[in-house]
Amino acid sequence: MIPDTGLTIWMLITFMIVLFLLTKYAWKPIMKAIKDREKSIEDALKSAENAKTEMNNLKAENEKILQAARNERDIMIKEAREIRESMIAEAKGKAKAEGEKLLQSAREAIQNEKMAAITDLKNQVAQLSIDIAEKIIARELSSENKQKELLGDLLKEVKLN
């Protein structure tokens, strides 16, 4: 089927009119819409790229902050350990000093009790010796002859200068 020449001419004229009308009224807005769409896509891509860069920067900054926080935590833990160790050492020192003080006090108390017991024992021995000597002297000096004899012996022992 071959179209008629008249029909082809009319189709060609109609096509030219439609092409002219589209070029005159529709082509510029369509091209403008396409350019606007292209520009908005480029802007969106730039925005996405900027957002990606900013996210990478924020991620790096967050890592720095986390690292700083970890370092600070480690320092605080170290200081806490040092404080704990110094407190333990101080408490041990105080306990040792207090123990030594109590031990020394107990030793002194024991020594004082020992000296008091020895003194008391000496006093009792002296008293017993005196009592025994009194009884012996009382028995020995019960007669006048024995008293004179003892006095004579004592005078012989004492030499006068």
Protein backbone atom coordinates (compact mmCIF):
# COMPACT_ATOMS: atom_id res chain seq x y z
CA MET A 1 0.00 0.00 0.00
CA ILE A 2 1.42 3.28 -1.16
CA PRO A 3 -0.15 6.47 0.09
CA ASP A 4 -1.45 9.02 -2.32
CA THR A 5 0.72 12.05 -3.16
CA GLY A 6 -1.92 14.49 -1.97
CA LEU A 7 -2.21 12.70 1.32
CA THR A 8 1.56 12.72 1.69
CA ILE A 9 1.71 16.47 0.99
CA TRP A 10 -1.02 17.14 3.53
CA MET A 11 0.68 14.95 6.05
CA LEU A 12 3.91 16.78 5.39
CA ILE A 13 2.20 20.18 5.81
CA THR A 14 0.48 19.02 9.01
CA PHE A 15 3.76 17.68 10.33
CA MET A 16 5.48 20.97 9.57
CA ILE A 17 2.71 22.92 11.36
CA VAL A 18 2.87 20.61 14.38
CA LEU A 19 6.67 20.84 14.32
CA PHE A 20 6.49 24.64 14.10
CA LEU A 21 3.95 24.81 16.95
CA LEU A 22 5.96 22.41 19.10
CA THR A 23 9.16 24.35 18.37
CA LYS A 24 7.49 27.70 19.02
CA TYR A 25 5.51 26.82 22.18
CA ALA A 26 6.50 23.42 23.62
CA TRP A 27 10.16 22.89 22.74
CA LYS A 28 11.57 25.68 25.00
CA PRO A 29 9.52 24.70 28.08
CA ILE A 30 10.39 21.02 27.58
CA MET A 31 14.09 21.85 27.15
CA LYS A 32 13.88 24.20 30.15
CA ALA A 33 12.25 21.42 32.23
CA ILE A 34 14.93 18.96 31.13
CA LYS A 35 17.71 21.47 31.97
CA ASP A 36 16.07 22.24 35.34
CA ARG A 37 15.78 18.52 36.06
CA GLU A 38 19.41 18.01 35.03
CA LYS A 39 20.47 20.92 37.25
CA SER A 40 18.47 19.59 40.24
CA ILE A 41 20.05 16.14 39.75
CA GLU A 42 23.53 17.72 39.67
CA ASP A 43 22.70 19.74 42.79
CA ALA A 44 21.42 16.61 44.50
CA LEU A 45 24.61 14.75 43.56
CA LYS A 46 26.76 17.65 44.85
CA SER A 47 24.65 17.74 48.02
CA ALA A 48 25.06 13.99 48.46
CA GLU A 49 28.80 14.31 47.92
CA ASN A 50 28.98 17.16 50.45
CA ALA A 51 26.91 15.13 52.89
CA LYS A 52 29.21 12.15 52.36
CA THR A 53 32.28 14.33 52.98
CA GLU A 54 30.66 15.87 56.04
CA MET A 55 29.73 12.41 57.37
CA ASN A 56 33.33 11.27 56.88
CA ASN A 57 34.53 14.38 58.73
CA LEU A 58 32.02 13.78 61.53
CA LYS A 59 33.05 10.14 61.69
CA ALA A 60 36.72 11.13 61.97
CA GLU A 61 35.85 13.73 64.61
CA ASN A 62 33.78 11.19 66.53
CA GLU A 63 36.71 8.77 66.43
CA LYS A 64 38.98 11.51 67.80
CA ILE A 65 36.48 12.28 70.56
CA LEU A 66 36.14 8.57 71.38
CA GLN A 67 39.91 8.17 71.46
CA ALA A 68 40.25 11.22 73.71
CA ALA A 69 37.52 9.81 75.99
CA ARG A 70 39.31 6.45 76.10
CA ASN A 71 42.59 8.15 76.94
CA GLU A 72 40.93 10.21 79.67
CA ARG A 73 39.24 7.06 81.03
CA ASP A 74 42.58 5.25 81.08
CA ILE A 75 44.20 8.18 82.89
CA MET A 76 41.37 8.29 85.43
CA ILE A 77 41.62 4.53 86.00
CA LYS A 78 45.39 4.82 86.45
CA GLU A 79 44.98 7.70 88.92
CA ALA A 80 42.30 5.77 90.81
CA ARG A 81 44.61 2.76 91.05
CA GLU A 82 47.47 4.93 92.29
CA ILE A 83 45.21 6.57 94.87
CA ARG A 84 43.92 3.17 95.97
CA GLU A 85 47.45 1.80 96.29
CA SER A 86 48.61 4.84 98.25
CA MET A 87 45.58 4.59 100.53
CA ILE A 88 46.27 0.89 101.10
CA ALA A 89 49.95 1.59 101.77
CA GLU A 90 49.04 4.43 104.13
CA ALA A 91 46.51 2.24 105.95
CA LYS A 92 49.07 -0.56 106.23
CA GLY A 93 51.63 1.91 107.57
CA LYS A 94 49.20 3.28 110.13
CA ALA A 95 48.13 -0.23 111.15
CA LYS A 96 51.77 -1.31 111.47
CA ALA A 97 52.63 1.79 113.53
CA GLU A 98 49.57 1.26 115.74
CA GLY A 99 50.49 -2.41 116.14
CA GLU A 100 54.05 -1.49 117.08
CA LYS A 101 52.72 1.07 119.52
CA LEU A 102 50.37 -1.48 121.11
CA LEU A 103 53.16 -4.06 121.20
CA GLN A 104 55.54 -1.59 122.84
CA SER A 105 52.84 -0.60 125.33
CA ALA A 106 52.21 -4.28 126.13
CA ARG A 107 55.96 -4.86 126.56
CA GLU A 108 56.20 -1.90 128.93
CA ALA A 109 53.18 -3.12 130.89
CA ILE A 110 54.69 -6.60 131.14
CA GLN A 111 58.04 -5.13 132.22
CA ASN A 112 56.31 -2.96 134.85
CA GLU A 113 54.32 -5.94 136.15
CA LYS A 114 57.51 -8.02 136.20
CA MET A 115 59.37 -5.33 138.15
CA ALA A 116 56.44 -4.97 140.55
CA ALA A 117 56.34 -8.75 141.06
CA ILE A 118 60.12 -8.88 141.62
CA THR A 119 59.92 -5.96 144.08
CA ASP A 120 57.03 -7.60 145.89
CA LEU A 121 58.91 -10.90 145.98
CA LYS A 122 62.03 -9.16 147.35
CA ASN A 123 59.93 -7.43 150.01
CA GLN A 124 58.36 -10.75 151.01
CA VAL A 125 61.77 -12.48 151.09
CA ALA A 126 63.19 -9.61 153.16
CA GLN A 127 60.24 -9.77 155.52
CA LEU A 128 60.60 -13.55 155.85
CA SER A 129 64.35 -13.12 156.44
CA ILE A 130 63.68 -10.53 159.12
CA ASP A 131 61.06 -12.76 160.73
CA ILE A 132 63.42 -15.73 160.66
CA ALA A 133 66.31 -13.62 161.99
CA GLU A 134 64.10 -12.28 164.78
CA LYS A 135 63.13 -15.76 165.80
CA ILE A 136 66.71 -17.00 165.65
CA ILE A 137 68.03 -13.97 167.58
CA ALA A 138 65.21 -14.24 170.06
CA ARG A 139 66.14 -17.88 170.66
CA GLU A 140 69.89 -17.19 170.74
CA LEU A 141 69.60 -14.14 172.95
CA SER A 142 67.11 -15.60 175.33
CA SER A 143 69.71 -15.80 178.07
CA GLU A 144 71.94 -13.04 179.40
CA ASN A 145 75.12 -15.05 178.90
CA LYS A 146 74.44 -15.48 175.25
CA GLN A 147 73.78 -11.75 174.90
CA LYS A 148 77.10 -10.86 176.50
CA GLU A 149 78.92 -13.39 174.37
CA LEU A 150 77.38 -11.98 171.18
CA LEU A 151 78.25 -8.43 172.25
CA GLY A 152 81.83 -9.49 172.85
CA ASP A 153 82.11 -11.13 169.44
CA LEU A 154 80.73 -8.03 167.75
CA LEU A 155 83.20 -5.78 169.60
CA LYS A 156 86.09 -7.94 168.49
CA GLU A 157 85.02 -7.65 164.90
CA VAL A 158 84.72 -3.89 165.04
CA LYS A 159 88.12 -2.27 165.21
CA LEU A 160 88.31 1.25 166.33
CA ASN A 161 90.87 3.52 164.73
